[in-house]
Amino acid sequence: ITTRQGFIQPPIKISRIIVEDSNLNAAVYPNPFES
């Protein structure tokens, strides 16, 4: 759950955030590289 704080809030709806895996597993080589 995420809430915003401040003097006066914009008209927003607080809702649940669905967390899903957005990481792509990869390896980059060589690093440093030449071309």
Full PDB file with SEQRES, HELIX, SHEET, SSBOND, CRYST1, ORIGX, SCALE, CONECT and MASTER records, all heavy atoms in Angstrom:
SEQRES   1 A   35  ILE THR THR ARG GLN GLY PHE ILE GLN PRO PRO ILE LYS          
SEQRES   2 A   35  ILE SER ARG ILE ILE VAL GLU ASP SER ASN LEU ASN ALA          
SEQRES   3 A   35  ALA VAL TYR PRO ASN PRO PHE GLU SER                          
CRYST1    1.000    1.000    1.000  90.00  90.00  90.00 P 1           1          
ORIGX1      1.000000  0.000000  0.000000        0.00000                         
ORIGX2      0.000000  1.000000  0.000000        0.00000                         
ORIGX3      0.000000  0.000000  1.000000        0.00000                         
SCALE1      1.000000  0.000000  0.000000        0.00000                         
SCALE2      0.000000  1.000000  0.000000        0.00000                         
SCALE3      0.000000  0.000000  1.000000        0.00000                         
ATOM      1  N   ILE A   1       0.847  -1.186   0.000  1.00  0.00           N  
ATOM      2  CA  ILE A   1       0.000   0.000   0.000  1.00  0.00           C  
ATOM      3  C   ILE A   1       0.885   1.240   0.000  1.00  0.00           C  
ATOM      4  O   ILE A   1       1.824   1.348   0.762  1.00  0.00           O  
ATOM      5  CB  ILE A   1      -0.930   0.005   1.228  1.00  0.00           C  
ATOM      6  CG1 ILE A   1      -1.853  -1.211   1.169  1.00  0.00           C  
ATOM      7  CG2 ILE A   1      -1.728   1.292   1.290  1.00  0.00           C  
ATOM      8  CD1 ILE A   1      -2.708  -1.380   2.387  1.00  0.00           C  
ATOM      9  N   THR A   2       0.588   2.184  -0.884  1.00  0.00           N  
ATOM     10  CA  THR A   2       1.333   3.433  -0.974  1.00  0.00           C  
ATOM     11  C   THR A   2       0.366   4.585  -0.729  1.00  0.00           C  
ATOM     12  O   THR A   2      -0.704   4.639  -1.331  1.00  0.00           O  
ATOM     13  CB  THR A   2       1.977   3.592  -2.360  1.00  0.00           C  
ATOM     14  OG1 THR A   2       2.871   2.503  -2.563  1.00  0.00           O  
ATOM     15  CG2 THR A   2       2.744   4.886  -2.467  1.00  0.00           C  
ATOM     16  N   THR A   3       0.753   5.517   0.165  1.00  0.00           N  
ATOM     17  CA  THR A   3      -0.048   6.706   0.402  1.00  0.00           C  
ATOM     18  C   THR A   3       0.819   7.926   0.170  1.00  0.00           C  
ATOM     19  O   THR A   3       2.032   7.876   0.330  1.00  0.00           O  
ATOM     20  CB  THR A   3      -0.596   6.752   1.848  1.00  0.00           C  
ATOM     21  OG1 THR A   3       0.507   6.695   2.757  1.00  0.00           O  
ATOM     22  CG2 THR A   3      -1.535   5.614   2.112  1.00  0.00           C  
ATOM     23  N   ARG A   4       0.197   9.031  -0.216  1.00  0.00           N  
ATOM     24  CA  ARG A   4       0.907  10.284  -0.449  1.00  0.00           C  
ATOM     25  C   ARG A   4       0.615  11.217   0.698  1.00  0.00           C  
ATOM     26  O   ARG A   4      -0.476  11.214   1.250  1.00  0.00           O  
ATOM     27  CB  ARG A   4       0.455  10.911  -1.764  1.00  0.00           C  
ATOM     28  CG  ARG A   4       0.811  10.060  -2.968  1.00  0.00           C  
ATOM     29  CD  ARG A   4       0.330  10.688  -4.218  1.00  0.00           C  
ATOM     30  NE  ARG A   4       1.025  11.952  -4.395  1.00  0.00           N  
ATOM     31  CZ  ARG A   4       0.725  12.810  -5.349  1.00  0.00           C  
ATOM     32  NH1 ARG A   4      -0.235  12.554  -6.182  1.00  0.00           N  
ATOM     33  NH2 ARG A   4       1.385  13.931  -5.477  1.00  0.00           N  
ATOM     34  N   GLN A   5       1.580  12.024   1.061  1.00  0.00           N  
ATOM     35  CA  GLN A   5       1.368  13.004   2.118  1.00  0.00           C  
ATOM     36  C   GLN A   5       1.690  14.393   1.607  1.00  0.00           C  
ATOM     37  O   GLN A   5       2.510  14.565   0.732  1.00  0.00           O  
ATOM     38  CB  GLN A   5       2.227  12.673   3.329  1.00  0.00           C  
ATOM     39  CG  GLN A   5       3.723  12.666   3.036  1.00  0.00           C  
ATOM     40  CD  GLN A   5       4.536  12.308   4.251  1.00  0.00           C  
ATOM     41  OE1 GLN A   5       4.046  12.381   5.344  1.00  0.00           O  
ATOM     42  NE2 GLN A   5       5.758  11.918   4.044  1.00  0.00           N  
ATOM     43  N   GLY A   6       1.034  15.367   2.183  1.00  0.00           N  
ATOM     44  CA  GLY A   6       1.257  16.738   1.784  1.00  0.00           C  
ATOM     45  C   GLY A   6       0.215  17.634   2.399  1.00  0.00           C  
ATOM     46  O   GLY A   6      -0.644  17.186   3.155  1.00  0.00           O  
ATOM     47  N   PHE A   7       0.265  18.918   2.095  1.00  0.00           N  
ATOM     48  CA  PHE A   7      -0.670  19.878   2.680  1.00  0.00           C  
ATOM     49  C   PHE A   7      -2.091  19.585   2.215  1.00  0.00           C  
ATOM     50  O   PHE A   7      -2.995  19.441   3.000  1.00  0.00           O  
ATOM     51  CB  PHE A   7      -0.246  21.293   2.303  1.00  0.00           C  
ATOM     52  CG  PHE A   7      -1.208  22.345   2.777  1.00  0.00           C  
ATOM     53  CD1 PHE A   7      -1.414  22.560   4.121  1.00  0.00           C  
ATOM     54  CD2 PHE A   7      -1.919  23.094   1.871  1.00  0.00           C  
ATOM     55  CE1 PHE A   7      -2.305  23.516   4.556  1.00  0.00           C  
ATOM     56  CE2 PHE A   7      -2.801  24.057   2.293  1.00  0.00           C  
ATOM     57  CZ  PHE A   7      -2.999  24.263   3.644  1.00  0.00           C  
ATOM     58  N   ILE A   8      -2.277  19.510   0.920  1.00  0.00           N  
ATOM     59  CA  ILE A   8      -3.580  19.160   0.365  1.00  0.00           C  
ATOM     60  C   ILE A   8      -3.338  18.113  -0.716  1.00  0.00           C  
ATOM     61  O   ILE A   8      -2.489  18.270  -1.565  1.00  0.00           O  
ATOM     62  CB  ILE A   8      -4.302  20.384  -0.221  1.00  0.00           C  
ATOM     63  CG1 ILE A   8      -4.642  21.360   0.910  1.00  0.00           C  
ATOM     64  CG2 ILE A   8      -5.561  19.964  -0.962  1.00  0.00           C  
ATOM     65  CD1 ILE A   8      -5.357  22.594   0.440  1.00  0.00           C  
ATOM     66  N   GLN A   9      -4.098  17.056  -0.656  1.00  0.00           N  
ATOM     67  CA  GLN A   9      -3.884  15.933  -1.555  1.00  0.00           C  
ATOM     68  C   GLN A   9      -4.708  16.064  -2.828  1.00  0.00           C  
ATOM     69  O   GLN A   9      -5.836  16.551  -2.791  1.00  0.00           O  
ATOM     70  CB  GLN A   9      -4.282  14.633  -0.855  1.00  0.00           C  
ATOM     71  CG  GLN A   9      -3.379  14.273   0.281  1.00  0.00           C  
ATOM     72  CD  GLN A   9      -1.978  14.055  -0.195  1.00  0.00           C  
ATOM     73  OE1 GLN A   9      -1.738  13.277  -1.090  1.00  0.00           O  
ATOM     74  NE2 GLN A   9      -1.037  14.748   0.388  1.00  0.00           N  
ATOM     75  N   PRO A  10      -4.141  15.607  -3.940  1.00  0.00           N  
ATOM     76  CA  PRO A  10      -4.953  15.532  -5.161  1.00  0.00           C  
ATOM     77  C   PRO A  10      -5.968  14.404  -5.017  1.00  0.00           C  
ATOM     78  O   PRO A  10      -5.789  13.519  -4.186  1.00  0.00           O  
ATOM     79  CB  PRO A  10      -3.912  15.209  -6.248  1.00  0.00           C  
ATOM     80  CG  PRO A  10      -2.809  14.548  -5.519  1.00  0.00           C  
ATOM     81  CD  PRO A  10      -2.781  15.145  -4.146  1.00  0.00           C  
ATOM     82  N   PRO A  11      -7.037  14.441  -5.785  1.00  0.00           N  
ATOM     83  CA  PRO A  11      -8.044  13.387  -5.672  1.00  0.00           C  
ATOM     84  C   PRO A  11      -7.518  12.080  -6.271  1.00  0.00           C  
ATOM     85  O   PRO A  11      -7.633  11.840  -7.457  1.00  0.00           O  
ATOM     86  CB  PRO A  11      -9.236  13.941  -6.459  1.00  0.00           C  
ATOM     87  CG  PRO A  11      -8.622  14.911  -7.420  1.00  0.00           C  
ATOM     88  CD  PRO A  11      -7.401  15.464  -6.746  1.00  0.00           C  
ATOM     89  N   ILE A  12      -6.914  11.261  -5.427  1.00  0.00           N  
ATOM     90  CA  ILE A  12      -6.371   9.985  -5.888  1.00  0.00           C  
ATOM     91  C   ILE A  12      -7.043   8.850  -5.132  1.00  0.00           C  
ATOM     92  O   ILE A  12      -7.586   9.049  -4.047  1.00  0.00           O  
ATOM     93  CB  ILE A  12      -4.842   9.898  -5.693  1.00  0.00           C  
ATOM     94  CG1 ILE A  12      -4.483  10.037  -4.226  1.00  0.00           C  
ATOM     95  CG2 ILE A  12      -4.125  10.936  -6.512  1.00  0.00           C  
ATOM     96  CD1 ILE A  12      -3.040   9.707  -3.908  1.00  0.00           C  
ATOM     97  N   LYS A  13      -6.985   7.707  -5.690  1.00  0.00           N  
ATOM     98  CA  LYS A  13      -7.523   6.519  -5.063  1.00  0.00           C  
ATOM     99  C   LYS A  13      -6.348   5.683  -4.567  1.00  0.00           C  
ATOM    100  O   LYS A  13      -5.419   5.407  -5.323  1.00  0.00           O  
ATOM    101  CB  LYS A  13      -8.335   5.730  -6.089  1.00  0.00           C  
ATOM    102  CG  LYS A  13      -8.900   4.447  -5.562  1.00  0.00           C  
ATOM    103  CD  LYS A  13      -9.663   3.726  -6.648  1.00  0.00           C  
ATOM    104  CE  LYS A  13     -10.130   2.376  -6.152  1.00  0.00           C  
ATOM    105  NZ  LYS A  13     -10.782   1.619  -7.207  1.00  0.00           N  
ATOM    106  N   ILE A  14      -6.386   5.313  -3.311  1.00  0.00           N  
ATOM    107  CA  ILE A  14      -5.337   4.457  -2.760  1.00  0.00           C  
ATOM    108  C   ILE A  14      -5.741   3.019  -3.025  1.00  0.00           C  
ATOM    109  O   ILE A  14      -6.844   2.593  -2.681  1.00  0.00           O  
ATOM    110  CB  ILE A  14      -5.161   4.711  -1.249  1.00  0.00           C  
ATOM    111  CG1 ILE A  14      -4.734   6.149  -1.016  1.00  0.00           C  
ATOM    112  CG2 ILE A  14      -4.164   3.734  -0.663  1.00  0.00           C  
ATOM    113  CD1 ILE A  14      -4.678   6.546   0.426  1.00  0.00           C  
ATOM    114  N   SER A  15      -4.872   2.295  -3.674  1.00  0.00           N  
ATOM    115  CA  SER A  15      -5.187   0.914  -4.002  1.00  0.00           C  
ATOM    116  C   SER A  15      -3.967   0.047  -3.772  1.00  0.00           C  
ATOM    117  O   SER A  15      -2.864   0.531  -3.598  1.00  0.00           O  
ATOM    118  CB  SER A  15      -5.654   0.803  -5.458  1.00  0.00           C  
ATOM    119  OG  SER A  15      -4.621   1.235  -6.318  1.00  0.00           O  
ATOM    120  N   ARG A  16      -4.160  -1.220  -3.802  1.00  0.00           N  
ATOM    121  CA  ARG A  16      -3.062  -2.160  -3.622  1.00  0.00           C  
ATOM    122  C   ARG A  16      -2.234  -2.222  -4.890  1.00  0.00           C  
ATOM    123  O   ARG A  16      -2.749  -2.173  -5.998  1.00  0.00           O  
ATOM    124  CB  ARG A  16      -3.595  -3.539  -3.299  1.00  0.00           C  
ATOM    125  CG  ARG A  16      -4.397  -3.537  -1.997  1.00  0.00           C  
ATOM    126  CD  ARG A  16      -4.587  -4.894  -1.527  1.00  0.00           C  
ATOM    127  NE  ARG A  16      -3.353  -5.165  -0.792  1.00  0.00           N  
ATOM    128  CZ  ARG A  16      -3.108  -6.244  -0.118  1.00  0.00           C  
ATOM    129  NH1 ARG A  16      -3.984  -7.187  -0.092  1.00  0.00           N  
ATOM    130  NH2 ARG A  16      -1.985  -6.403   0.520  1.00  0.00           N  
ATOM    131  N   ILE A  17      -0.947  -2.348  -4.716  1.00  0.00           N  
ATOM    132  CA  ILE A  17      -0.039  -2.469  -5.842  1.00  0.00           C  
ATOM    133  C   ILE A  17       0.337  -3.934  -5.974  1.00  0.00           C  
ATOM    134  O   ILE A  17       0.808  -4.548  -5.016  1.00  0.00           O  
ATOM    135  CB  ILE A  17       1.222  -1.614  -5.623  1.00  0.00           C  
ATOM    136  CG1 ILE A  17       0.830  -0.143  -5.500  1.00  0.00           C  
ATOM    137  CG2 ILE A  17       2.223  -1.832  -6.743  1.00  0.00           C  
ATOM    138  CD1 ILE A  17       1.956   0.751  -5.074  1.00  0.00           C  
ATOM    139  N   ILE A  18       0.117  -4.471  -7.144  1.00  0.00           N  
ATOM    140  CA  ILE A  18       0.464  -5.871  -7.381  1.00  0.00           C  
ATOM    141  C   ILE A  18       1.920  -5.911  -7.801  1.00  0.00           C  
ATOM    142  O   ILE A  18       2.306  -5.351  -8.820  1.00  0.00           O  
ATOM    143  CB  ILE A  18      -0.439  -6.497  -8.459  1.00  0.00           C  
ATOM    144  CG1 ILE A  18      -1.891  -6.430  -8.003  1.00  0.00           C  
ATOM    145  CG2 ILE A  18       0.003  -7.917  -8.766  1.00  0.00           C  
ATOM    146  CD1 ILE A  18      -2.878  -6.819  -9.058  1.00  0.00           C  
ATOM    147  N   VAL A  19       2.714  -6.568  -6.968  1.00  0.00           N  
ATOM    148  CA  VAL A  19       4.143  -6.648  -7.236  1.00  0.00           C  
ATOM    149  C   VAL A  19       4.409  -7.914  -8.038  1.00  0.00           C  
ATOM    150  O   VAL A  19       4.061  -9.011  -7.618  1.00  0.00           O  
ATOM    151  CB  VAL A  19       4.952  -6.672  -5.916  1.00  0.00           C  
ATOM    152  CG1 VAL A  19       6.427  -6.777  -6.200  1.00  0.00           C  
ATOM    153  CG2 VAL A  19       4.648  -5.441  -5.096  1.00  0.00           C  
ATOM    154  N   GLU A  20       5.005  -7.733  -9.199  1.00  0.00           N  
ATOM    155  CA  GLU A  20       5.376  -8.886 -10.003  1.00  0.00           C  
ATOM    156  C   GLU A  20       6.852  -8.758 -10.356  1.00  0.00           C  
ATOM    157  O   GLU A  20       7.407  -7.671 -10.342  1.00  0.00           O  
ATOM    158  CB  GLU A  20       4.514  -9.017 -11.245  1.00  0.00           C  
ATOM    159  CG  GLU A  20       4.546  -7.824 -12.158  1.00  0.00           C  
ATOM    160  CD  GLU A  20       3.632  -8.005 -13.350  1.00  0.00           C  
ATOM    161  OE1 GLU A  20       2.418  -8.152 -13.152  1.00  0.00           O  
ATOM    162  OE2 GLU A  20       4.156  -7.990 -14.467  1.00  0.00           O  
ATOM    163  N   ASP A  21       7.443  -9.873 -10.634  1.00  0.00           N  
ATOM    164  CA  ASP A  21       8.863  -9.886 -10.930  1.00  0.00           C  
ATOM    165  C   ASP A  21       9.100  -9.228 -12.280  1.00  0.00           C  
ATOM    166  O   ASP A  21       8.659  -9.722 -13.306  1.00  0.00           O  
ATOM    167  CB  ASP A  21       9.383 -11.327 -10.928  1.00  0.00           C  
ATOM    168  CG  ASP A  21      10.881 -11.402 -11.130  1.00  0.00           C  
ATOM    169  OD1 ASP A  21      11.570 -10.395 -10.894  1.00  0.00           O  
ATOM    170  OD2 ASP A  21      11.367 -12.476 -11.525  1.00  0.00           O  
ATOM    171  N   SER A  22       9.789  -8.087 -12.259  1.00  0.00           N  
ATOM    172  CA  SER A  22      10.058  -7.372 -13.502  1.00  0.00           C  
ATOM    173  C   SER A  22      11.539  -7.405 -13.851  1.00  0.00           C  
ATOM    174  O   SER A  22      11.969  -6.702 -14.750  1.00  0.00           O  
ATOM    175  CB  SER A  22       9.572  -5.930 -13.396  1.00  0.00           C  
ATOM    176  OG  SER A  22      10.299  -5.256 -12.397  1.00  0.00           O  
ATOM    177  N   ASN A  23      12.305  -8.207 -13.123  1.00  0.00           N  
ATOM    178  CA  ASN A  23      13.738  -8.304 -13.399  1.00  0.00           C  
ATOM    179  C   ASN A  23      14.004  -9.381 -14.437  1.00  0.00           C  
ATOM    180  O   ASN A  23      13.481 -10.487 -14.351  1.00  0.00           O  
ATOM    181  CB  ASN A  23      14.520  -8.623 -12.128  1.00  0.00           C  
ATOM    182  CG  ASN A  23      14.507  -7.466 -11.159  1.00  0.00           C  
ATOM    183  OD1 ASN A  23      14.437  -6.323 -11.561  1.00  0.00           O  
ATOM    184  ND2 ASN A  23      14.568  -7.773  -9.885  1.00  0.00           N  
ATOM    185  N   LEU A  24      14.814  -9.037 -15.391  1.00  0.00           N  
ATOM    186  CA  LEU A  24      15.258  -9.969 -16.414  1.00  0.00           C  
ATOM    187  C   LEU A  24      16.658 -10.421 -16.004  1.00  0.00           C  
ATOM    188  O   LEU A  24      17.531  -9.576 -15.800  1.00  0.00           O  
ATOM    189  CB  LEU A  24      15.277  -9.256 -17.768  1.00  0.00           C  
ATOM    190  CG  LEU A  24      15.551 -10.075 -19.015  1.00  0.00           C  
ATOM    191  CD1 LEU A  24      14.508 -11.164 -19.177  1.00  0.00           C  
ATOM    192  CD2 LEU A  24      15.533  -9.170 -20.222  1.00  0.00           C  
ATOM    193  N   ASN A  25      16.848 -11.698 -15.825  1.00  0.00           N  
ATOM    194  CA  ASN A  25      18.146 -12.214 -15.394  1.00  0.00           C  
ATOM    195  C   ASN A  25      19.039 -12.434 -16.606  1.00  0.00           C  
ATOM    196  O   ASN A  25      18.707 -13.202 -17.498  1.00  0.00           O  
ATOM    197  CB  ASN A  25      17.973 -13.516 -14.607  1.00  0.00           C  
ATOM    198  CG  ASN A  25      17.210 -13.294 -13.314  1.00  0.00           C  
ATOM    199  OD1 ASN A  25      17.462 -12.308 -12.633  1.00  0.00           O  
ATOM    200  ND2 ASN A  25      16.281 -14.165 -13.008  1.00  0.00           N  
ATOM    201  N   ALA A  26      20.177 -11.729 -16.613  1.00  0.00           N  
ATOM    202  CA  ALA A  26      21.101 -11.816 -17.741  1.00  0.00           C  
ATOM    203  C   ALA A  26      22.514 -11.540 -17.263  1.00  0.00           C  
ATOM    204  O   ALA A  26      22.730 -10.964 -16.202  1.00  0.00           O  
ATOM    205  CB  ALA A  26      20.702 -10.830 -18.829  1.00  0.00           C  
ATOM    206  N   ALA A  27      23.467 -11.944 -18.075  1.00  0.00           N  
ATOM    207  CA  ALA A  27      24.880 -11.644 -17.832  1.00  0.00           C  
ATOM    208  C   ALA A  27      25.433 -10.972 -19.085  1.00  0.00           C  
ATOM    209  O   ALA A  27      25.111 -11.364 -20.207  1.00  0.00           O  
ATOM    210  CB  ALA A  27      25.653 -12.922 -17.534  1.00  0.00           C  
ATOM    211  N   VAL A  28      26.255  -9.945 -18.869  1.00  0.00           N  
ATOM    212  CA  VAL A  28      26.865  -9.216 -19.986  1.00  0.00           C  
ATOM    213  C   VAL A  28      28.372  -9.411 -19.892  1.00  0.00           C  
ATOM    214  O   VAL A  28      28.965  -9.205 -18.838  1.00  0.00           O  
ATOM    215  CB  VAL A  28      26.527  -7.716 -19.915  1.00  0.00           C  
ATOM    216  CG1 VAL A  28      27.221  -6.961 -21.034  1.00  0.00           C  
ATOM    217  CG2 VAL A  28      25.030  -7.501 -19.988  1.00  0.00           C  
ATOM    218  N   TYR A  29      28.968  -9.831 -20.997  1.00  0.00           N  
ATOM    219  CA  TYR A  29      30.421 -10.009 -21.022  1.00  0.00           C  
ATOM    220  C   TYR A  29      30.938  -9.739 -22.411  1.00  0.00           C  
ATOM    221  O   TYR A  29      30.177  -9.846 -23.365  1.00  0.00           O  
ATOM    222  CB  TYR A  29      30.792 -11.428 -20.553  1.00  0.00           C  
ATOM    223  CG  TYR A  29      30.250 -12.531 -21.445  1.00  0.00           C  
ATOM    224  CD1 TYR A  29      31.042 -13.062 -22.463  1.00  0.00           C  
ATOM    225  CD2 TYR A  29      28.968 -13.026 -21.305  1.00  0.00           C  
ATOM    226  CE1 TYR A  29      30.564 -14.053 -23.303  1.00  0.00           C  
ATOM    227  CE2 TYR A  29      28.480 -14.013 -22.123  1.00  0.00           C  
ATOM    228  CZ  TYR A  29      29.279 -14.525 -23.119  1.00  0.00           C  
ATOM    229  OH  TYR A  29      28.808 -15.506 -23.946  1.00  0.00           O  
ATOM    230  N   PRO A  30      32.173  -9.391 -22.631  1.00  0.00           N  
ATOM    231  CA  PRO A  30      33.120  -8.920 -21.616  1.00  0.00           C  
ATOM    232  C   PRO A  30      32.770  -7.490 -21.208  1.00  0.00           C  
ATOM    233  O   PRO A  30      32.152  -6.751 -21.964  1.00  0.00           O  
ATOM    234  CB  PRO A  30      34.458  -8.952 -22.340  1.00  0.00           C  
ATOM    235  CG  PRO A  30      34.115  -8.707 -23.767  1.00  0.00           C  
ATOM    236  CD  PRO A  30      32.764  -9.354 -23.971  1.00  0.00           C  
ATOM    237  N   ASN A  31      33.186  -7.133 -20.036  1.00  0.00           N  
ATOM    238  CA  ASN A  31      32.963  -5.772 -19.545  1.00  0.00           C  
ATOM    239  C   ASN A  31      34.130  -5.418 -18.647  1.00  0.00           C  
ATOM    240  O   ASN A  31      34.248  -5.995 -17.587  1.00  0.00           O  
ATOM    241  CB  ASN A  31      31.648  -5.675 -18.779  1.00  0.00           C  
ATOM    242  CG  ASN A  31      31.212  -4.251 -18.556  1.00  0.00           C  
ATOM    243  OD1 ASN A  31      31.767  -3.330 -19.110  1.00  0.00           O  
ATOM    244  ND2 ASN A  31      30.199  -4.089 -17.712  1.00  0.00           N  
ATOM    245  N   PRO A  32      35.023  -4.556 -19.070  1.00  0.00           N  
ATOM    246  CA  PRO A  32      34.999  -3.654 -20.218  1.00  0.00           C  
ATOM    247  C   PRO A  32      35.120  -4.400 -21.551  1.00  0.00           C  
ATOM    248  O   PRO A  32      35.643  -5.500 -21.612  1.00  0.00           O  
ATOM    249  CB  PRO A  32      36.191  -2.739 -19.995  1.00  0.00           C  
ATOM    250  CG  PRO A  32      36.953  -3.270 -18.849  1.00  0.00           C  
ATOM    251  CD  PRO A  32      36.179  -4.352 -18.217  1.00  0.00           C  
ATOM    252  N   PHE A  33      34.637  -3.754 -22.617  1.00  0.00           N  
ATOM    253  CA  PHE A  33      34.636  -4.374 -23.945  1.00  0.00           C  
ATOM    254  C   PHE A  33      35.354  -3.461 -24.922  1.00  0.00           C  
ATOM    255  O   PHE A  33      35.571  -2.286 -24.663  1.00  0.00           O  
ATOM    256  CB  PHE A  33      33.196  -4.649 -24.410  1.00  0.00           C  
ATOM    257  CG  PHE A  33      32.403  -3.414 -24.707  1.00  0.00           C  
ATOM    258  CD1 PHE A  33      32.275  -2.957 -26.005  1.00  0.00           C  
ATOM    259  CD2 PHE A  33      31.772  -2.703 -23.699  1.00  0.00           C  
ATOM    260  CE1 PHE A  33      31.540  -1.817 -26.295  1.00  0.00           C  
ATOM    261  CE2 PHE A  33      31.030  -1.570 -23.975  1.00  0.00           C  
ATOM    262  CZ  PHE A  33      30.917  -1.124 -25.277  1.00  0.00           C  
ATOM    263  N   GLU A  34      35.706  -4.050 -26.082  1.00  0.00           N  
ATOM    264  CA  GLU A  34      36.375  -3.267 -27.125  1.00  0.00           C  
ATOM    265  C   GLU A  34      35.440  -2.932 -28.276  1.00  0.00           C  
ATOM    266  O   GLU A  34      35.427  -1.808 -28.756  1.00  0.00           O  
ATOM    267  CB  GLU A  34      37.606  -4.014 -27.640  1.00  0.00           C  
ATOM    268  CG  GLU A  34      38.712  -4.061 -26.620  1.00  0.00           C  
ATOM    269  CD  GLU A  34      39.963  -4.737 -27.161  1.00  0.00           C  
ATOM    270  OE1 GLU A  34      40.058  -4.911 -28.388  1.00  0.00           O  
ATOM    271  OE2 GLU A  34      40.811  -5.090 -26.341  1.00  0.00           O  
ATOM    272  N   SER A  35      34.663  -3.910 -28.759  1.00  0.00           N  
ATOM    273  CA  SER A  35      33.779  -3.627 -29.888  1.00  0.00           C  
ATOM    274  C   SER A  35      32.411  -4.288 -29.763  1.00  0.00           C  
ATOM    275  O   SER A  35      31.425  -3.734 -30.211  1.00  0.00           O  
ATOM    276  CB  SER A  35      34.438  -4.046 -31.200  1.00  0.00           C  
ATOM    277  OG  SER A  35      34.672  -5.431 -31.198  1.00  0.00           O  
TER     278      SER A  35                                                      
MASTER        0    0    0    0    0    0    0    6  277    1    0    3          
END                                                                             
